Amino acid sequence: MTVSSSPVANPHLAPVEVPDPTLLPRVQELCDLTDPCTCGPRQDELFAAAMAEINAWHADRSPFFRSLAERADRGAAEAYGAPLVHANFFKRHEVLSIPRGEVELHLTSSGTTGQKSQMFFDRWTIRSAQRMVARIFERNGWITPDQEVNYLLYSYEPAPGLKLGTAFTDNYLCDFAPARQVEYALRHTGSGHEFDPFGTVAALRRFAQDGVPVRILGFPAFLWFTLERMRAMELPPLTLPEGSLIVLGGGWKGHTDRQIGKEELYARVTEQLGVPSERIRDTFGSVEHCVPYIECDHHRLHAPVWSRVFVRSTRTLEPLPHGEPGFLHLVSPYITSVPAQSVVMGDLAVLQPGRECPCDLDTPWFTVLGRAGVSRNRSCAVAAAELMKGLS
């Protein structure tokens, strides 16, 4: 991996201060760490101290969290003194640890129908999460203020009232390189969004001739269906300009019957678009836990220094050893707006030690196996997938 030579090349790397420096000095110190992949005893001690501060912060400000903490089983199911909260809780309840007047951003987790997580962010919370993304992009050399790129976003075209977390994230990722052109795969129709496969194919063909790198962001399922449409149209492979980058996110929820493995997807991207495997990265994230998890160049989702990852038994919620599947549990003290510092996701995952990955990162990494069980709860990817019915 390469490191950007300009530490202030992007405004999202600028300093940001916690709401109360007296109460949250270790949270500030942890989130100020510039290397997302550093790890060791000092970082572990700092993380534990920051978690203690954020637990006290939410206990003082959230009656829900205070009650939960008082009644929580102090057994092995806890981590860093924070009771577990399932992500689905936020689909039915709005719980804040700040006055509503301090809410800077309100995002939801699902599309046009289905249950939605309602998450609220103060300036510190959203800015610190954005800075984490910027630090990871910086470490990979993906912040290029002097290099224009063309963007193809496999996400929702902006529309009045659109508050989806995925749309916010994909548009935010356009800040890391200046845009020459931006094209959306999910076009706003006036009454919703529709997937535009022909427009997407046309954009790729145009970008291949433009001479500047292309950045493709968003749902992997849409990228796959675009490649399938190109093959069905008997179009020859394209060669996107050198320096092109693909950063995927959102998963295949709702299309598991048609999901393909990463290896096949990445191989087809290289074959049909000319982008090498190391420039194709998947991500994991959610509106309930905005810490970014971005694949290394060996396509493993490593935990950054600002979070800790556990896998828990689906029966007892006890932590499981490396290699055993269970609920994904994500912990981070970055969030001051909502007591979501210890969230159990609806995803099944397997955790592995850093040494099991041949890349240069030492932090643990995880593999997402899919959603646990069958649920009416639907994510952005599910709603987006419905737009593809009959189009592929």
Protein backbone atom coordinates (compact mmCIF):
# COMPACT_ATOMS: atom_id res chain seq x y z
CA MET A 1 0.00 0.00 0.00
CA THR A 2 1.08 3.57 -0.59
CA VAL A 3 0.57 6.60 1.60
CA SER A 4 -0.43 10.00 0.26
CA SER A 5 2.41 12.49 0.55
CA SER A 6 -0.02 15.29 1.41
CA PRO A 7 -1.66 14.75 4.83
CA VAL A 8 -4.10 17.64 4.27
CA ALA A 9 -4.99 16.82 0.66
CA ASN A 10 -8.65 16.47 1.58
CA PRO A 11 -10.77 18.62 3.92
CA HIS A 12 -12.18 15.47 5.52
CA LEU A 13 -8.76 14.91 7.10
CA ALA A 14 -9.01 18.21 8.97
CA PRO A 15 -9.17 18.16 12.78
CA VAL A 16 -12.54 17.83 14.49
CA GLU A 17 -13.21 18.17 18.22
CA VAL A 18 -15.35 15.96 20.46
CA PRO A 19 -18.42 17.65 21.98
CA ASP A 20 -16.75 17.88 25.41
CA PRO A 21 -12.93 17.57 25.49
CA THR A 22 -12.98 17.35 29.29
CA LEU A 23 -15.24 14.29 29.32
CA LEU A 24 -13.96 12.59 26.16
CA PRO A 25 -10.19 13.11 25.92
CA ARG A 26 -9.41 9.47 25.16
CA VAL A 27 -12.16 9.28 22.53
CA GLN A 28 -10.51 12.29 20.91
CA GLU A 29 -7.07 10.69 21.12
CA LEU A 30 -8.24 7.39 19.66
CA CYS A 31 -10.09 8.96 16.75
CA ASP A 32 -7.11 11.24 16.06
CA LEU A 33 -4.88 8.24 15.31
CA THR A 34 -3.82 8.69 11.70
CA ASP A 35 -2.81 5.15 10.77
CA PRO A 36 -5.95 3.00 10.46
CA CYS A 37 -3.92 -0.20 10.70
CA THR A 38 -1.81 0.43 13.77
CA CYS A 39 -2.28 -2.02 16.63
CA GLY A 40 -0.64 -3.10 19.87
CA PRO A 41 -0.91 -2.85 23.66
CA ARG A 42 -0.91 0.95 23.68
CA GLN A 43 -3.76 1.11 21.19
CA ASP A 44 -5.68 -1.55 23.13
CA GLU A 45 -5.33 0.43 26.36
CA LEU A 46 -6.42 3.63 24.63
CA PHE A 47 -9.44 1.88 23.09
CA ALA A 48 -10.59 0.53 26.46
CA ALA A 49 -10.25 3.97 28.06
CA ALA A 50 -12.20 5.58 25.23
CA MET A 51 -14.97 3.00 25.61
CA ALA A 52 -15.22 3.76 29.32
CA GLU A 53 -15.64 7.45 28.50
CA ILE A 54 -18.31 6.91 25.86
CA ASN A 55 -20.24 4.50 28.10
CA ALA A 56 -20.35 7.17 30.82
CA TRP A 57 -21.35 9.76 28.22
CA HIS A 58 -24.38 7.78 27.07
CA ALA A 59 -25.35 6.69 30.59
CA ASP A 60 -25.57 10.36 31.58
CA ARG A 61 -27.57 11.40 28.52
CA SER A 62 -29.70 8.45 27.42
CA PRO A 63 -32.31 7.02 29.80
CA PHE A 64 -32.53 3.98 27.52
CA PHE A 65 -28.82 3.24 27.73
CA ARG A 66 -28.67 3.97 31.46
CA SER A 67 -31.49 1.53 32.13
CA LEU A 68 -29.96 -1.07 29.83
CA ALA A 69 -26.57 -0.75 31.51
CA GLU A 70 -28.08 -1.10 34.96
CA ARG A 71 -29.94 -4.28 34.04
CA ALA A 72 -27.30 -5.82 31.78
CA ASP A 73 -25.78 -9.18 32.55
CA ARG A 74 -22.17 -8.43 33.40
CA GLY A 75 -21.08 -11.73 31.92
CA ALA A 76 -19.07 -12.59 28.89
CA ALA A 77 -21.68 -11.25 26.50
CA GLU A 78 -20.52 -7.71 27.19
CA ALA A 79 -17.49 -6.07 25.63
CA TYR A 80 -15.72 -3.06 27.15
CA GLY A 81 -18.56 -2.57 29.64
CA ALA A 82 -21.13 -1.80 26.94
CA PRO A 83 -24.35 -3.81 26.82
CA LEU A 84 -25.14 -5.31 23.45
CA VAL A 85 -27.76 -3.59 21.30
CA HIS A 86 -29.06 -5.31 18.19
CA ALA A 87 -29.11 -3.22 15.02
CA ASN A 88 -32.80 -4.04 14.58
CA PHE A 89 -33.56 -2.03 17.73
CA PHE A 90 -32.91 1.15 15.77
CA LYS A 91 -35.53 0.12 13.20
CA ARG A 92 -38.26 0.59 15.80
CA HIS A 93 -36.90 3.22 18.18
CA GLU A 94 -35.36 6.67 17.97
CA VAL A 95 -32.85 6.96 20.82
CA LEU A 96 -30.60 10.00 21.12
CA SER A 97 -27.93 11.10 23.56
CA ILE A 98 -27.97 14.69 22.32
CA PRO A 99 -30.67 17.35 22.01
CA ARG A 100 -32.43 17.22 18.64
CA GLY A 101 -31.19 20.73 17.98
CA GLU A 102 -27.65 19.33 17.79
CA VAL A 103 -28.54 16.76 15.10
CA GLU A 104 -26.57 17.66 12.00
CA LEU A 105 -27.55 14.69 9.86
CA HIS A 106 -30.42 12.16 9.84
CA LEU A 107 -29.97 9.00 7.77
CA THR A 108 -32.02 5.86 7.25
CA SER A 109 -30.92 2.34 6.44
CA SER A 110 -33.52 1.11 3.95
CA GLY A 111 -35.09 2.00 0.64
CA THR A 112 -38.56 2.91 -0.46
CA THR A 113 -40.34 0.28 1.67
CA GLY A 114 -39.59 -1.83 4.73
CA GLN A 115 -38.44 -1.00 8.22
CA LYS A 116 -35.84 1.73 8.50
CA SER A 117 -33.18 2.37 11.08
CA GLN A 118 -33.35 6.01 12.09
CA MET A 119 -29.86 7.22 12.93
CA PHE A 120 -28.94 10.73 14.04
CA PHE A 121 -25.52 12.31 13.92
CA ASP A 122 -24.02 15.33 15.57
CA ARG A 123 -21.13 17.10 13.91
CA TRP A 124 -18.46 15.12 15.76
CA THR A 125 -19.95 11.72 15.00
CA ILE A 126 -20.39 12.15 11.25
CA ARG A 127 -17.14 14.06 10.82
CA SER A 128 -15.11 11.51 12.77
CA ALA A 129 -16.60 8.67 10.69
CA GLN A 130 -15.84 10.55 7.48
CA ARG A 131 -12.29 11.15 8.65
CA MET A 132 -11.85 7.40 9.20
CA VAL A 133 -12.79 6.80 5.57
CA ALA A 134 -10.41 9.54 4.50
CA ARG A 135 -7.57 8.00 6.53
CA ILE A 136 -8.09 4.64 4.81
CA PHE A 137 -8.25 6.28 1.38
CA GLU A 138 -5.13 8.26 2.23
CA ARG A 139 -3.22 5.14 3.25
CA ASN A 140 -4.14 3.46 -0.02
CA GLY A 141 -3.18 6.48 -2.11
CA TRP A 142 -6.77 7.04 -3.30
CA ILE A 143 -6.97 10.75 -2.48
CA THR A 144 -6.01 12.43 -5.76
CA PRO A 145 -6.90 16.14 -5.67
CA ASP A 146 -4.92 16.81 -8.85
CA GLN A 147 -6.45 13.96 -10.89
CA GLU A 148 -9.94 14.28 -12.33
CA VAL A 149 -11.99 11.10 -12.58
CA ASN A 150 -15.30 10.01 -14.05
CA TYR A 151 -17.75 8.52 -11.52
CA LEU A 152 -20.27 5.77 -12.08
CA LEU A 153 -22.38 5.43 -8.94
CA TYR A 154 -24.38 2.24 -8.47
CA SER A 155 -26.59 4.06 -6.00
CA TYR A 156 -29.52 6.43 -5.83
CA GLU A 157 -29.53 9.65 -7.83
CA PRO A 158 -30.09 12.57 -5.43
CA ALA A 159 -33.71 13.49 -4.90
CA PRO A 160 -35.59 15.76 -2.47
CA GLY A 161 -35.93 14.12 0.93
CA LEU A 162 -33.56 11.25 0.16
CA LYS A 163 -31.87 10.27 3.44
CA LEU A 164 -30.46 6.83 2.61
CA GLY A 165 -27.11 6.08 4.18
CA THR A 166 -25.76 4.39 1.06
CA ALA A 167 -26.56 7.41 -1.13
CA PHE A 168 -24.89 9.72 1.39
CA THR A 169 -21.79 7.52 1.52
CA ASP A 170 -21.36 7.15 -2.23
CA ASN A 171 -21.72 10.87 -2.79
CA TYR A 172 -19.24 11.53 0.02
CA LEU A 173 -16.70 9.21 -1.62
CA CYS A 174 -16.75 11.50 -4.65
CA ASP A 175 -14.88 14.07 -2.55
CA PHE A 176 -11.58 12.20 -2.80
CA ALA A 177 -10.97 13.02 -6.47
CA PRO A 178 -12.43 15.88 -8.52
CA ALA A 179 -15.28 14.83 -10.79
CA ARG A 180 -15.27 15.31 -14.53
CA GLN A 181 -18.60 13.52 -14.97
CA VAL A 182 -20.94 11.73 -12.56
CA GLU A 183 -23.46 9.12 -13.72
CA TYR A 184 -26.01 7.31 -11.54
CA ALA A 185 -27.27 3.78 -12.14
CA LEU A 186 -30.45 4.35 -10.11
CA ARG A 187 -32.15 7.28 -11.80
CA HIS A 188 -34.72 9.44 -10.08
CA THR A 189 -38.02 9.27 -11.94
CA GLY A 190 -39.99 11.82 -9.95
CA SER A 191 -41.84 9.15 -8.01
CA GLY A 192 -38.96 6.85 -7.11
CA HIS A 193 -35.83 5.36 -8.62
CA GLU A 194 -35.28 2.96 -11.51
CA PHE A 195 -32.20 1.04 -12.54
CA ASP A 196 -30.95 2.24 -15.94
CA PRO A 197 -28.86 -0.59 -17.43
CA PHE A 198 -28.55 0.91 -20.92
CA GLY A 199 -27.49 4.29 -19.57
CA THR A 200 -24.94 2.55 -17.36
CA VAL A 201 -23.46 0.60 -20.26
CA ALA A 202 -23.34 3.77 -22.37
CA ALA A 203 -21.55 5.63 -19.58
CA LEU A 204 -18.90 2.91 -19.27
CA ARG A 205 -18.29 2.92 -23.02
CA ARG A 206 -17.99 6.70 -23.01
CA PHE A 207 -15.68 6.72 -19.99
CA ALA A 208 -13.40 4.12 -21.57
CA GLN A 209 -12.67 6.62 -24.34
CA ASP A 210 -12.28 9.68 -22.12
CA GLY A 211 -8.73 9.15 -20.94
CA VAL A 212 -9.18 9.84 -17.22
CA PRO A 213 -9.57 7.19 -14.49
CA VAL A 214 -13.02 5.90 -13.62
CA ARG A 215 -14.30 5.35 -10.09
CA ILE A 216 -17.19 2.93 -9.71
CA LEU A 217 -18.95 2.99 -6.34
CA GLY A 218 -21.96 1.20 -4.89
CA PHE A 219 -23.92 -2.05 -4.96
CA PRO A 220 -22.02 -5.04 -6.42
CA ALA A 221 -25.22 -6.64 -7.75
CA PHE A 222 -25.75 -3.72 -10.13
CA LEU A 223 -22.19 -3.99 -11.39
CA TRP A 224 -22.67 -7.71 -12.04
CA PHE A 225 -25.93 -7.15 -13.92
CA THR A 226 -24.24 -4.48 -16.01
CA LEU A 227 -21.50 -6.94 -16.97
CA GLU A 228 -24.15 -9.53 -17.80
CA ARG A 229 -26.03 -7.01 -19.94
CA MET A 230 -22.82 -6.14 -21.81
CA ARG A 231 -22.23 -9.83 -22.51
CA ALA A 232 -25.83 -10.34 -23.64
CA MET A 233 -25.42 -7.39 -26.03
CA GLU A 234 -22.23 -9.03 -27.34
CA LEU A 235 -20.22 -5.91 -26.59
CA PRO A 236 -16.43 -6.29 -26.69
CA PRO A 237 -14.49 -5.85 -23.44
CA LEU A 238 -13.59 -2.32 -22.41
CA THR A 239 -10.32 -1.07 -20.96
CA LEU A 240 -10.99 1.64 -18.42
CA PRO A 241 -8.08 4.08 -18.10
CA GLU A 242 -5.16 3.30 -15.80
CA GLY A 243 -5.80 4.31 -12.19
CA SER A 244 -9.47 3.36 -12.27
CA LEU A 245 -10.87 2.18 -8.93
CA ILE A 246 -13.92 0.18 -7.89
CA VAL A 247 -15.19 0.40 -4.30
CA LEU A 248 -18.29 -1.72 -3.70
CA GLY A 249 -20.72 -1.83 -0.79
CA GLY A 250 -24.23 -2.91 0.09
CA GLY A 251 -24.00 -6.63 -0.51
CA TRP A 252 -26.35 -8.92 -2.42
CA LYS A 253 -29.27 -8.94 0.03
CA GLY A 254 -32.43 -9.93 -1.79
CA HIS A 255 -30.49 -11.62 -4.59
CA THR A 256 -28.78 -14.49 -2.80
CA ASP A 257 -30.17 -16.89 -5.39
CA ARG A 258 -28.18 -15.06 -8.05
CA GLN A 259 -25.16 -14.04 -5.99
CA ILE A 260 -21.75 -15.00 -7.27
CA GLY A 261 -18.47 -15.21 -5.37
CA LYS A 262 -16.10 -12.28 -5.14
CA GLU A 263 -13.49 -14.12 -7.16
CA GLU A 264 -15.85 -14.56 -10.10
CA LEU A 265 -17.10 -10.99 -9.90
CA TYR A 266 -13.61 -9.53 -9.72
CA ALA A 267 -12.42 -11.74 -12.57
CA ARG A 268 -15.30 -10.59 -14.75
CA VAL A 269 -14.59 -6.95 -13.91
CA THR A 270 -10.97 -7.42 -14.96
CA GLU A 271 -12.02 -9.28 -18.11
CA GLN A 272 -14.73 -6.86 -19.25
CA LEU A 273 -13.54 -3.52 -17.84
CA GLY A 274 -9.77 -4.00 -17.59
CA VAL A 275 -9.51 -3.06 -13.90
CA PRO A 276 -6.95 -5.21 -12.01
CA SER A 277 -8.02 -7.15 -8.92
CA GLU A 278 -6.07 -4.99 -6.47
CA ARG A 279 -8.06 -1.95 -7.64
CA ILE A 280 -11.38 -3.65 -6.82
CA ARG A 281 -12.38 -3.47 -3.15
CA ASP A 282 -15.51 -4.48 -1.30
CA THR A 283 -16.55 -2.75 1.91
CA PHE A 284 -18.77 -3.37 4.91
CA GLY A 285 -20.63 -0.76 6.86
CA SER A 286 -24.05 0.24 8.10
CA VAL A 287 -25.93 3.32 9.15
CA GLU A 288 -25.99 1.91 12.72
CA HIS A 289 -22.19 1.56 12.78
CA CYS A 290 -20.43 3.97 10.44
CA VAL A 291 -16.86 2.81 11.02
CA PRO A 292 -15.55 1.81 7.57
CA TYR A 293 -14.32 -1.70 6.82
CA ILE A 294 -12.56 -1.72 3.44
CA GLU A 295 -10.84 -4.73 1.91
CA CYS A 296 -7.07 -4.95 1.79
CA ASP A 297 -5.42 -5.81 -1.52
CA HIS A 298 -5.99 -9.50 -0.67
CA HIS A 299 -9.73 -8.78 -0.26
CA ARG A 300 -10.04 -9.24 3.52
CA LEU A 301 -12.11 -6.87 5.67
CA HIS A 302 -9.68 -5.80 8.41
CA ALA A 303 -10.80 -3.96 11.53
CA PRO A 304 -9.32 -0.44 11.71
CA VAL A 305 -7.75 0.86 14.90
CA TRP A 306 -10.92 2.75 15.84
CA SER A 307 -13.05 -0.40 16.26
CA ARG A 308 -13.04 -3.92 17.65
CA VAL A 309 -14.81 -6.88 16.04
CA PHE A 310 -16.30 -9.94 17.70
CA VAL A 311 -18.32 -12.91 16.48
CA ARG A 312 -20.98 -14.17 18.90
CA SER A 313 -22.94 -17.36 19.30
CA THR A 314 -26.38 -17.27 17.72
CA ARG A 315 -27.69 -19.18 20.78
CA THR A 316 -25.98 -17.58 23.76
CA LEU A 317 -24.29 -14.42 22.41
CA GLU A 318 -21.07 -15.64 24.00
CA PRO A 319 -17.95 -14.59 22.03
CA LEU A 320 -16.69 -17.30 19.67
CA PRO A 321 -13.10 -18.19 18.80
CA HIS A 322 -11.55 -17.45 15.44
CA GLY A 323 -12.98 -19.48 12.59
CA GLU A 324 -16.44 -20.13 14.07
CA PRO A 325 -19.50 -18.47 12.49
CA GLY A 326 -21.89 -16.32 14.47
CA PHE A 327 -23.43 -12.87 14.75
CA LEU A 328 -21.13 -10.01 13.78
CA HIS A 329 -20.60 -7.66 16.74
CA LEU A 330 -19.00 -4.25 16.15
CA VAL A 331 -17.69 -1.95 18.89
CA SER A 332 -16.41 1.62 18.64
CA PRO A 333 -16.47 4.67 20.96
CA TYR A 334 -16.63 7.21 18.12
CA ILE A 335 -20.41 7.84 18.33
CA THR A 336 -21.70 10.50 20.76
CA SER A 337 -25.13 11.11 19.22
CA VAL A 338 -26.75 7.67 19.71
CA PRO A 339 -25.86 4.84 22.16
CA ALA A 340 -24.71 2.58 19.32
CA GLN A 341 -21.17 1.97 20.51
CA SER A 342 -21.74 -1.81 20.78
CA VAL A 343 -23.98 -3.14 18.00
CA VAL A 344 -24.84 -6.73 17.13
CA MET A 345 -25.57 -6.92 13.41
CA GLY A 346 -28.01 -9.21 11.65
CA ASP A 347 -25.10 -10.58 9.63
CA LEU A 348 -23.35 -13.88 10.17
CA ALA A 349 -19.57 -13.69 9.99
CA VAL A 350 -16.32 -15.46 10.75
CA LEU A 351 -13.40 -13.68 12.41
CA GLN A 352 -9.74 -14.47 11.69
CA PRO A 353 -6.45 -13.21 13.17
CA GLY A 354 -4.45 -10.70 11.17
CA ARG A 355 -1.60 -13.17 10.63
CA GLU A 356 -3.92 -15.34 8.52
CA CYS A 357 -3.91 -12.68 5.76
CA PRO A 358 -0.78 -12.32 3.58
CA CYS A 359 -1.15 -8.52 3.33
CA ASP A 360 0.88 -6.08 5.46
CA LEU A 361 -1.95 -5.44 7.97
CA ASP A 362 -1.86 -7.03 11.43
CA THR A 363 -5.41 -6.31 12.58
CA PRO A 364 -8.06 -9.08 12.66
CA TRP A 365 -10.29 -9.52 9.63
CA PHE A 366 -13.71 -10.99 9.04
CA THR A 367 -15.76 -12.61 6.31
CA VAL A 368 -19.47 -11.84 6.04
CA LEU A 369 -21.43 -15.03 5.38
CA GLY A 370 -24.83 -13.41 4.84
CA ARG A 371 -27.89 -12.37 6.79
CA ALA A 372 -29.03 -14.50 9.69
CA GLY A 373 -32.37 -16.23 9.09
CA VAL A 374 -35.34 -14.89 7.17
CA SER A 375 -36.58 -11.47 8.15
CA ARG A 376 -38.99 -8.79 6.99
CA ASN A 377 -36.26 -6.25 7.74
CA ARG A 378 -34.86 -4.96 4.50
CA SER A 379 -31.75 -2.95 3.79
CA CYS A 380 -30.89 -0.42 1.09
CA ALA A 381 -29.62 -3.28 -1.05
CA VAL A 382 -32.93 -5.12 -0.79
CA ALA A 383 -34.95 -2.12 -1.91
CA ALA A 384 -32.47 -1.38 -4.67
CA ALA A 385 -32.57 -4.98 -5.82
CA GLU A 386 -36.31 -4.72 -6.39
CA LEU A 387 -35.63 -2.05 -8.99
CA MET A 388 -33.76 -4.61 -11.06
CA LYS A 389 -36.66 -7.03 -11.42
CA GLY A 390 -37.23 -7.71 -15.08
CA LEU A 391 -34.20 -5.65 -16.11
CA SER A 392 -31.52 -8.31 -16.07
